[in-house]
Amino acid sequence: MNSLISGDNTMLVWMVVAFMGTAAIFCEQKFKWGGYIGSCVLAIFMSMILCSLHITPTSSPVYSAISGYVLPLSIPLLLFKCDVRKILRESGKLFILWHIAALGTLVATIGGGFLFFRNAGQIPAVAAMVTGGYTGGTVNIVAMGQTFQADAEYVNSVAVGANVLLGLCMLILSAGASTNFARKNFTHPYIDAFEAGTDNTKTQAEQYWAPKNISLYSLSMAFATTFVITGVSSVICDLVNATNPPLVIGKLFGSIYLVMTAITVILVTLFPKYFAKLEGAEEMGNYMIVLWFTTLGCAATIQDVLATGYVLVYMTLAIIINVVVSFGIGRLVKGSYEECATATCATIGGPTTAAALAINKGWGDLVVPGILVGLYGYITGNYFGILVGDLGVVHQVFGLQGLFPRNLLGQLLVVPGHHAAQPLRQGGHHILGDVAGIRPGIGQQLVPLIEGLHQ
């Protein structure tokens, strides 16, 4: 597609990406409506509009550089606060509510697959991407797409679609805090505290991101640390993948996103005082990831997002069930509206989204817990995604017809309504369809066991 700015004009593309990322942050901090949506989602919306108007290119070496280098480097920076002991100690009830919201995602992604796989015509990686993304944020969508070897352009479209839905969800949750339904059915201590008095001269985002005492030495140490973690992780992944390991080992230890997340969390938990001194890491990590969100919008037009078809419906269902489960069970365990909403945002959008909601609604005491459980989602979401995605690779091998197979185990692992004449080793169908180049995971290793059970 021809665009006003050529993809090969790297300096101009860098200019646009940096400007759009900065504009998104400006809108978040200076306008209430921007705070409701958050800089990451704003960056996607704004850049996708430019792309749809053929102003910016859909592909460029700049986008590849940001996804290949800037994004991996940003993740350790964002995880420098992720002391597991601190998460367990300070997140309190929000930690429990996060698991409830994540349960809603798992129910939706596994159950929803039975409704959409026949029509989606896509890959089992869709289930992994949606599960990972809606338990830890958009970065996990990309990680799962790479782990399951999905087409990069398709992953971008799914990620953009997920964030469009995320933006709508945040607006609804934000507006819901003022409704009579929320006030009557949930406790709302943080809303009451905010309404009792606040500084109305600045937005909540601007107050949270106020200038801090950051030194050149601290910035250099933060950068050096994230480069070391990312570089070591890359070496480990190369060594693991070079040995042609079993599929499960390859996915767990051959993905740079999973390895550097694990290394960072271990180091932060073991050496919390060192990482606490790295002032400026959160700011740098957030700006870098906003740049990446900008490239997501640039790499996909509105038409590309709509072309994902049933996957959009699938993701919408996942969000709805996540919200229903989160607020339904959350009310039973005496969770406040603010805690349930923050937990939902932490699963669907990750720590930046949870923080954006808490900051801009004035729920100051939920900002750090929201970031902590969101970081926890970064860590665990990918593993949930691998589990669900690998279950999605198990084929219909029993020659069954009808909506439901003959027993519970088969019901979880086969494609309802599809007559499979071929066993897995000869072909067949994934829960979410087939695309060339997608390798199966532990699902394929389960086939002999399942065949034995049916003999």
Protein backbone atom coordinates (compact mmCIF):
# COMPACT_ATOMS: atom_id res chain seq x y z
CA MET A 1 0.00 0.00 0.00
CA ASN A 2 1.38 3.40 -1.02
CA SER A 3 1.59 5.99 1.74
CA LEU A 4 2.60 9.62 2.00
CA ILE A 5 5.64 8.64 4.07
CA SER A 6 7.66 5.79 2.61
CA GLY A 7 8.58 2.92 4.89
CA ASP A 8 12.19 3.23 3.76
CA ASN A 9 12.39 6.84 4.93
CA THR A 10 13.43 5.69 8.39
CA MET A 11 14.15 9.11 9.89
CA LEU A 12 10.67 10.40 9.04
CA VAL A 13 9.06 7.22 10.32
CA TRP A 14 11.00 7.52 13.59
CA MET A 15 9.81 11.13 13.77
CA VAL A 16 6.16 10.13 13.40
CA VAL A 17 6.41 7.25 15.89
CA ALA A 18 8.14 9.41 18.52
CA PHE A 19 5.69 12.27 17.97
CA MET A 20 2.60 10.06 18.16
CA GLY A 21 3.88 8.33 21.29
CA THR A 22 4.55 11.68 22.94
CA ALA A 23 1.17 13.02 21.82
CA ALA A 24 -0.53 10.00 23.42
CA ILE A 25 1.26 10.64 26.72
CA PHE A 26 0.38 14.36 26.50
CA CYS A 27 -3.31 13.59 26.01
CA GLU A 28 -3.27 11.11 28.89
CA GLN A 29 -1.79 13.63 31.30
CA LYS A 30 -3.50 16.84 30.16
CA PHE A 31 -7.05 15.72 29.39
CA LYS A 32 -9.48 13.71 31.50
CA TRP A 33 -10.80 11.84 28.48
CA GLY A 34 -7.23 10.85 27.62
CA GLY A 35 -6.69 9.58 31.12
CA TYR A 36 -9.75 7.37 30.87
CA ILE A 37 -8.33 5.61 27.82
CA GLY A 38 -4.61 5.57 28.66
CA SER A 39 -1.56 6.45 26.58
CA CYS A 40 -1.03 2.95 25.17
CA VAL A 41 -4.52 2.64 23.72
CA LEU A 42 -4.42 6.26 22.55
CA ALA A 43 -1.16 5.57 20.71
CA ILE A 44 -2.80 2.71 18.83
CA PHE A 45 -5.91 4.70 17.91
CA MET A 46 -3.97 7.73 16.71
CA SER A 47 -1.41 5.82 14.67
CA MET A 48 -4.04 3.49 13.18
CA ILE A 49 -5.95 6.52 11.89
CA LEU A 50 -2.80 7.82 10.18
CA CYS A 51 -2.20 4.42 8.65
CA SER A 52 -5.81 4.11 7.45
CA LEU A 53 -5.47 7.54 5.79
CA HIS A 54 -2.34 6.27 3.99
CA ILE A 55 -0.13 8.83 5.69
CA THR A 56 2.17 6.31 7.40
CA PRO A 57 3.37 2.97 5.96
CA THR A 58 2.14 -0.38 7.21
CA SER A 59 5.68 -1.76 7.23
CA SER A 60 9.05 -0.20 7.89
CA PRO A 61 12.47 -1.17 9.26
CA VAL A 62 11.61 1.19 12.12
CA TYR A 63 8.73 -1.03 13.21
CA SER A 64 10.99 -4.07 13.07
CA ALA A 65 13.65 -2.30 15.14
CA ILE A 66 11.13 -1.31 17.80
CA SER A 67 9.53 -4.76 18.02
CA GLY A 68 12.90 -6.51 17.85
CA TYR A 69 14.91 -4.32 20.24
CA VAL A 70 12.92 -1.58 21.96
CA LEU A 71 10.09 -3.86 23.12
CA PRO A 72 12.31 -6.60 24.64
CA LEU A 73 14.44 -3.95 26.36
CA SER A 74 11.37 -2.27 27.83
CA ILE A 75 10.04 -5.38 29.56
CA PRO A 76 12.81 -5.76 32.18
CA LEU A 77 12.55 -2.03 32.88
CA LEU A 78 8.86 -2.45 33.64
CA LEU A 79 9.58 -5.48 35.82
CA PHE A 80 12.17 -3.81 38.06
CA LYS A 81 9.47 -3.40 40.72
CA CYS A 82 8.31 -6.98 40.43
CA ASP A 83 9.50 -8.40 43.75
CA VAL A 84 7.32 -11.50 44.17
CA ARG A 85 7.41 -11.16 47.94
CA LYS A 86 6.25 -7.55 47.63
CA ILE A 87 3.41 -8.58 45.34
CA LEU A 88 2.14 -11.12 47.85
CA ARG A 89 2.62 -8.71 50.75
CA GLU A 90 1.18 -5.49 49.32
CA SER A 91 -1.37 -6.42 46.68
CA GLY A 92 -3.75 -7.86 49.29
CA LYS A 93 -7.23 -8.63 48.07
CA LEU A 94 -6.37 -7.37 44.59
CA PHE A 95 -4.07 -10.36 44.19
CA ILE A 96 -7.03 -12.69 44.84
CA LEU A 97 -9.29 -10.70 42.53
CA TRP A 98 -6.66 -10.89 39.77
CA HIS A 99 -6.88 -14.69 39.88
CA ILE A 100 -10.67 -14.50 39.74
CA ALA A 101 -10.47 -12.25 36.65
CA ALA A 102 -7.87 -14.57 35.09
CA LEU A 103 -10.23 -17.48 35.70
CA GLY A 104 -12.83 -15.60 33.69
CA THR A 105 -10.36 -15.30 30.82
CA LEU A 106 -9.57 -19.02 30.90
CA VAL A 107 -13.25 -19.96 30.94
CA ALA A 108 -13.86 -17.65 27.98
CA THR A 109 -10.89 -18.69 25.85
CA ILE A 110 -11.42 -22.42 26.34
CA GLY A 111 -15.21 -22.35 26.17
CA GLY A 112 -15.37 -19.69 23.48
CA GLY A 113 -13.21 -21.80 21.21
CA PHE A 114 -16.06 -24.28 20.90
CA LEU A 115 -18.24 -21.51 19.43
CA PHE A 116 -15.90 -19.85 16.94
CA PHE A 117 -13.24 -22.29 15.76
CA ARG A 118 -15.23 -23.65 12.83
CA ASN A 119 -15.80 -20.18 11.42
CA ALA A 120 -12.61 -18.39 12.43
CA GLY A 121 -10.46 -20.45 10.06
CA GLN A 122 -7.37 -19.38 11.95
CA ILE A 123 -4.73 -20.97 14.14
CA PRO A 124 -4.56 -22.52 17.61
CA ALA A 125 -2.23 -19.64 18.39
CA VAL A 126 -5.33 -17.42 18.56
CA ALA A 127 -6.37 -19.15 21.78
CA ALA A 128 -2.85 -18.73 23.18
CA MET A 129 -2.66 -15.07 22.16
CA VAL A 130 -6.04 -14.16 23.63
CA THR A 131 -5.37 -16.11 26.82
CA GLY A 132 -1.91 -14.60 27.29
CA GLY A 133 -3.09 -11.13 26.31
CA TYR A 134 -6.15 -11.15 28.55
CA THR A 135 -4.23 -12.34 31.59
CA GLY A 136 -1.22 -10.07 31.21
CA GLY A 137 -1.58 -7.52 28.43
CA THR A 138 -0.74 -6.95 24.77
CA VAL A 139 2.94 -7.84 25.11
CA ASN A 140 1.85 -11.39 25.88
CA ILE A 141 -0.16 -11.48 22.64
CA VAL A 142 3.04 -10.86 20.70
CA ALA A 143 4.98 -13.36 22.81
CA MET A 144 2.39 -16.08 22.19
CA GLY A 145 2.21 -15.23 18.50
CA GLN A 146 5.96 -15.72 18.22
CA THR A 147 5.92 -18.85 20.37
CA PHE A 148 3.30 -20.46 18.11
CA GLN A 149 4.96 -19.08 14.98
CA ALA A 150 1.96 -17.07 13.84
CA ASP A 151 2.22 -14.62 10.95
CA ALA A 152 3.53 -11.29 12.25
CA GLU A 153 0.99 -9.16 10.37
CA TYR A 154 -1.87 -11.26 11.71
CA VAL A 155 -0.50 -10.97 15.25
CA ASN A 156 -0.40 -7.18 14.83
CA SER A 157 -4.02 -7.11 13.71
CA VAL A 158 -5.12 -9.26 16.65
CA ALA A 159 -3.13 -7.08 19.06
CA VAL A 160 -4.65 -3.89 17.67
CA GLY A 161 -8.15 -5.38 17.81
CA ALA A 162 -7.54 -6.46 21.39
CA ASN A 163 -6.53 -2.94 22.34
CA VAL A 164 -9.50 -1.34 20.61
CA LEU A 165 -11.73 -3.56 22.74
CA LEU A 166 -9.58 -2.77 25.77
CA GLY A 167 -10.16 0.96 25.23
CA LEU A 168 -13.93 0.43 25.13
CA CYS A 169 -13.74 -1.74 28.25
CA MET A 170 -11.80 0.93 30.14
CA LEU A 171 -14.33 3.59 29.19
CA ILE A 172 -17.18 1.39 30.42
CA LEU A 173 -15.44 0.52 33.69
CA SER A 174 -14.52 4.15 34.25
CA ALA A 175 -18.07 5.37 33.59
CA GLY A 176 -19.49 2.51 35.65
CA ALA A 177 -17.89 3.90 38.79
CA SER A 178 -20.44 6.73 38.76
CA THR A 179 -23.54 4.59 38.22
CA ASN A 180 -26.16 3.77 40.81
CA PHE A 181 -25.62 0.08 40.08
CA ALA A 182 -22.01 0.26 41.27
CA ARG A 183 -22.87 2.36 44.30
CA LYS A 184 -25.71 0.04 45.41
CA ASN A 185 -24.13 -3.35 44.75
CA PHE A 186 -20.48 -2.79 45.66
CA THR A 187 -18.52 -1.05 48.35
CA HIS A 188 -16.62 1.95 46.97
CA PRO A 189 -14.17 3.31 49.57
CA TYR A 190 -11.66 4.64 47.02
CA ILE A 191 -14.36 6.57 45.15
CA ASP A 192 -15.55 8.07 48.43
CA ALA A 193 -12.03 9.06 49.42
CA PHE A 194 -11.38 10.69 46.04
CA GLU A 195 -14.64 12.62 46.10
CA ALA A 196 -13.81 13.89 49.57
CA GLY A 197 -11.05 16.05 48.18
CA THR A 198 -8.40 16.20 45.45
CA ASP A 199 -6.21 18.62 43.54
CA ASN A 200 -8.39 19.63 40.60
CA THR A 201 -5.71 21.77 38.98
CA LYS A 202 -3.95 18.72 37.49
CA THR A 203 -5.09 15.43 36.06
CA GLN A 204 -4.38 12.32 38.11
CA ALA A 205 -1.94 11.04 35.48
CA GLU A 206 0.02 14.27 35.59
CA GLN A 207 0.25 14.05 39.37
CA TYR A 208 1.42 10.42 39.28
CA TRP A 209 4.09 11.08 36.64
CA ALA A 210 5.38 14.20 38.39
CA PRO A 211 9.12 14.94 38.06
CA LYS A 212 11.34 12.73 40.19
CA ASN A 213 14.90 12.84 41.43
CA ILE A 214 16.58 10.89 38.61
CA SER A 215 20.33 10.94 38.04
CA LEU A 216 22.39 10.18 34.96
CA TYR A 217 24.06 7.33 36.84
CA SER A 218 20.68 5.79 37.73
CA LEU A 219 19.52 5.97 34.11
CA SER A 220 22.74 4.44 32.83
CA MET A 221 22.57 1.60 35.35
CA ALA A 222 18.94 0.89 34.46
CA PHE A 223 19.79 0.77 30.76
CA ALA A 224 22.86 -1.38 31.34
CA THR A 225 20.90 -3.80 33.52
CA THR A 226 18.10 -4.27 31.01
CA PHE A 227 20.66 -4.79 28.21
CA VAL A 228 22.45 -7.45 30.29
CA ILE A 229 19.22 -9.29 31.08
CA THR A 230 18.01 -9.14 27.49
CA GLY A 231 21.40 -10.15 26.08
CA VAL A 232 21.79 -13.14 28.43
CA SER A 233 18.21 -14.19 27.70
CA SER A 234 18.92 -14.07 23.96
CA VAL A 235 22.00 -16.28 24.38
CA ILE A 236 20.05 -18.79 26.46
CA CYS A 237 17.26 -18.94 23.87
CA ASP A 238 19.75 -19.43 21.03
CA LEU A 239 21.45 -22.28 22.90
CA VAL A 240 18.16 -23.96 23.74
CA ASN A 241 16.76 -23.68 20.22
CA ALA A 242 20.03 -24.94 18.71
CA THR A 243 19.63 -28.25 20.55
CA ASN A 244 16.26 -28.94 18.88
CA PRO A 245 14.61 -29.55 22.27
CA PRO A 246 11.19 -31.12 22.95
CA LEU A 247 8.39 -28.76 22.03
CA VAL A 248 7.44 -27.88 25.59
CA ILE A 249 11.06 -27.13 26.56
CA GLY A 250 11.51 -25.09 23.41
CA LYS A 251 8.47 -22.98 24.15
CA LEU A 252 9.35 -22.38 27.78
CA PHE A 253 13.07 -21.75 27.41
CA GLY A 254 13.35 -20.84 23.73
CA SER A 255 11.20 -17.70 23.91
CA ILE A 256 13.11 -14.56 24.88
CA TYR A 257 9.98 -13.05 26.44
CA LEU A 258 9.53 -15.93 28.85
CA VAL A 259 13.23 -16.28 29.67
CA MET A 260 13.95 -12.61 30.34
CA THR A 261 10.75 -12.31 32.40
CA ALA A 262 11.82 -15.23 34.57
CA ILE A 263 15.39 -13.91 34.93
CA THR A 264 14.22 -10.40 35.82
CA VAL A 265 11.72 -11.56 38.41
CA ILE A 266 14.28 -13.85 40.05
CA LEU A 267 16.90 -11.08 40.19
CA VAL A 268 14.43 -8.47 41.49
CA THR A 269 13.21 -10.85 44.18
CA LEU A 270 16.76 -11.76 45.26
CA PHE A 271 18.22 -8.23 45.05
CA PRO A 272 15.33 -5.80 45.71
CA LYS A 273 17.56 -3.03 47.12
CA TYR A 274 19.64 -2.79 43.96
CA PHE A 275 16.64 -2.53 41.65
CA ALA A 276 14.89 -0.07 43.97
CA LYS A 277 17.76 2.36 43.33
CA LEU A 278 17.28 2.33 39.56
CA GLU A 279 15.18 5.49 39.37
CA GLY A 280 13.80 6.32 35.96
CA ALA A 281 13.38 2.70 34.85
CA GLU A 282 9.58 2.89 35.04
CA GLU A 283 9.47 6.10 33.02
CA MET A 284 11.81 4.76 30.33
CA GLY A 285 10.00 1.43 30.16
CA ASN A 286 6.63 3.11 29.78
CA TYR A 287 7.82 5.45 27.03
CA MET A 288 9.47 2.60 25.14
CA ILE A 289 6.35 0.45 25.33
CA VAL A 290 4.19 3.39 24.19
CA LEU A 291 6.45 3.60 21.12
CA TRP A 292 5.79 -0.07 20.49
CA PHE A 293 2.03 0.42 20.83
CA THR A 294 2.35 3.22 18.29
CA THR A 295 3.95 0.84 15.80
CA LEU A 296 1.13 -1.64 16.39
CA GLY A 297 -1.35 0.95 15.18
CA CYS A 298 0.87 1.94 12.27
CA ALA A 299 1.16 -1.66 11.11
CA ALA A 300 -2.57 -2.32 10.88
CA THR A 301 -5.39 -0.41 9.24
CA ILE A 302 -8.98 -0.43 10.40
CA GLN A 303 -9.71 -2.83 7.53
CA ASP A 304 -7.01 -5.21 8.80
CA VAL A 305 -8.58 -5.29 12.24
CA LEU A 306 -12.07 -5.90 10.87
CA ALA A 307 -10.63 -8.68 8.69
CA THR A 308 -9.91 -10.74 11.81
CA GLY A 309 -13.66 -11.38 11.80
CA TYR A 310 -14.74 -13.98 14.31
CA VAL A 311 -11.59 -13.45 16.35
CA LEU A 312 -12.89 -10.00 17.29
CA VAL A 313 -16.11 -11.61 18.48
CA TYR A 314 -14.06 -14.22 20.32
CA MET A 315 -12.06 -11.52 22.10
CA THR A 316 -15.22 -9.56 22.90
CA LEU A 317 -16.70 -12.66 24.51
CA ALA A 318 -13.48 -13.14 26.50
CA ILE A 319 -13.70 -9.59 27.88
CA ILE A 320 -17.39 -9.91 28.74
CA ILE A 321 -16.90 -13.19 30.60
CA ASN A 322 -13.80 -11.80 32.32
CA VAL A 323 -15.81 -8.82 33.59
CA VAL A 324 -18.81 -10.92 34.63
CA VAL A 325 -16.68 -13.44 36.52
CA SER A 326 -14.50 -10.75 38.07
CA PHE A 327 -17.38 -8.63 39.37
CA GLY A 328 -19.68 -11.57 40.12
CA ILE A 329 -17.27 -13.58 42.24
CA GLY A 330 -15.53 -10.39 43.40
CA ARG A 331 -18.76 -9.21 45.00
CA LEU A 332 -19.09 -12.53 46.82
CA VAL A 333 -15.62 -12.14 48.36
CA LYS A 334 -16.40 -8.55 49.39
CA GLY A 335 -14.28 -6.89 46.72
CA SER A 336 -14.98 -3.20 46.11
CA TYR A 337 -15.95 -1.87 42.70
CA GLU A 338 -12.58 -0.19 42.36
CA GLU A 339 -10.67 -3.39 43.18
CA CYS A 340 -12.71 -5.49 40.74
CA ALA A 341 -12.27 -2.91 37.97
CA THR A 342 -8.52 -2.63 38.56
CA ALA A 343 -8.12 -6.42 38.60
CA THR A 344 -10.03 -6.67 35.32
CA CYS A 345 -7.84 -4.03 33.70
CA ALA A 346 -4.70 -5.72 35.03
CA THR A 347 -5.64 -8.97 33.28
CA ILE A 348 -6.96 -7.52 30.03
CA GLY A 349 -4.42 -4.72 29.60
CA GLY A 350 -1.51 -5.38 31.94
CA PRO A 351 0.13 -3.11 34.52
CA THR A 352 0.11 0.08 32.42
CA THR A 353 -3.64 -0.19 31.91
CA ALA A 354 -4.38 -1.02 35.55
CA ALA A 355 -2.25 1.92 36.63
CA ALA A 356 -3.91 4.24 34.09
CA LEU A 357 -7.38 3.42 35.39
CA ALA A 358 -6.43 3.74 39.06
CA ILE A 359 -4.46 6.95 38.49
CA ASN A 360 -7.11 8.70 36.43
CA LYS A 361 -9.99 7.74 38.70
CA GLY A 362 -8.08 8.99 41.73
CA TRP A 363 -7.79 5.58 43.39
CA GLY A 364 -4.28 6.34 44.59
CA ASP A 365 -3.95 3.39 46.96
CA LEU A 366 -4.65 0.97 44.11
CA VAL A 367 -1.97 2.25 41.73
CA VAL A 368 0.97 0.25 43.07
CA PRO A 369 -1.07 -2.92 43.79
CA GLY A 370 -2.54 -2.63 40.27
CA ILE A 371 0.94 -2.39 38.77
CA LEU A 372 2.14 -5.33 40.88
CA VAL A 373 -0.67 -7.69 39.92
CA GLY A 374 -0.35 -6.51 36.31
CA LEU A 375 3.33 -7.42 36.39
CA TYR A 376 2.34 -10.75 37.90
CA GLY A 377 0.10 -11.17 34.85
CA TYR A 378 3.04 -10.46 32.56
CA ILE A 379 4.84 -13.34 34.25
CA THR A 380 2.05 -15.91 34.37
CA GLY A 381 -0.05 -14.96 31.34
CA ASN A 382 2.33 -16.50 28.82
CA TYR A 383 2.29 -19.83 30.61
CA PHE A 384 -1.51 -19.83 30.67
CA GLY A 385 -1.38 -19.01 26.97
CA ILE A 386 0.91 -21.95 26.23
CA LEU A 387 -1.38 -24.30 28.18
CA VAL A 388 -4.54 -23.22 26.37
CA GLY A 389 -2.81 -22.96 22.98
CA ASP A 390 -1.34 -26.45 23.25
CA LEU A 391 -4.70 -27.90 24.24
CA GLY A 392 -6.01 -26.23 21.10
CA VAL A 393 -3.61 -28.23 18.96
CA VAL A 394 -5.18 -31.56 19.89
CA HIS A 395 -7.14 -32.78 16.88
CA GLN A 396 -10.42 -34.59 16.51
CA VAL A 397 -9.21 -38.17 16.18
CA PHE A 398 -12.22 -40.22 17.15
CA GLY A 399 -14.49 -39.84 14.09
CA LEU A 400 -17.25 -38.30 16.22
CA GLN A 401 -20.14 -36.24 14.91
CA GLY A 402 -22.52 -33.88 16.65
CA LEU A 403 -22.12 -30.94 18.96
CA PHE A 404 -20.56 -32.81 21.85
CA PRO A 405 -18.20 -35.83 21.93
CA ARG A 406 -18.75 -38.89 24.04
CA ASN A 407 -16.95 -38.10 27.26
CA LEU A 408 -15.69 -35.15 29.25
CA LEU A 409 -12.01 -35.57 28.35
CA GLY A 410 -12.81 -35.67 24.67
CA GLN A 411 -15.14 -32.72 25.07
CA LEU A 412 -12.25 -30.54 26.19
CA LEU A 413 -9.86 -31.69 23.50
CA VAL A 414 -11.77 -32.16 20.25
CA VAL A 415 -13.65 -30.06 17.76
CA PRO A 416 -17.42 -30.38 18.32
CA GLY A 417 -19.59 -30.67 15.23
CA HIS A 418 -16.72 -31.81 13.00
CA HIS A 419 -16.39 -35.25 11.49
CA ALA A 420 -12.69 -36.11 11.58
CA ALA A 421 -11.88 -39.03 9.34
CA GLN A 422 -8.14 -38.54 9.74
CA PRO A 423 -6.14 -39.08 12.92
CA LEU A 424 -3.82 -36.34 14.12
CA ARG A 425 -0.69 -37.79 12.54
CA GLN A 426 -2.34 -37.64 9.10
CA GLY A 427 -3.85 -34.18 9.39
CA GLY A 428 -7.06 -32.98 10.97
CA HIS A 429 -8.14 -29.71 12.49
CA HIS A 430 -7.18 -27.55 15.41
CA ILE A 431 -9.78 -26.17 17.76
CA LEU A 432 -9.36 -22.80 16.05
CA GLY A 433 -8.55 -24.03 12.58
CA ASP A 434 -5.40 -24.58 10.54
CA VAL A 435 -2.62 -22.38 9.19
CA ALA A 436 0.54 -23.69 7.60
CA GLY A 437 3.68 -23.42 9.65
CA ILE A 438 2.08 -23.74 13.08
CA ARG A 439 3.78 -26.43 15.07
CA PRO A 440 1.78 -28.42 17.63
CA GLY A 441 2.78 -28.53 21.28
CA ILE A 442 1.98 -30.79 24.18
CA GLY A 443 -1.40 -31.42 22.57
CA GLN A 444 0.23 -33.73 20.02
CA GLN A 445 1.98 -35.61 22.79
CA LEU A 446 -1.39 -36.26 24.46
CA VAL A 447 -2.84 -38.01 21.42
CA PRO A 448 -1.46 -41.53 22.15
CA LEU A 449 -2.85 -41.31 25.66
CA ILE A 450 -6.28 -40.22 24.45
CA GLU A 451 -6.33 -42.91 21.76
CA GLY A 452 -5.56 -45.48 24.44
CA LEU A 453 -8.45 -44.29 26.54
CA HIS A 454 -10.82 -44.80 23.63
CA GLN A 455 -9.70 -48.35 22.81
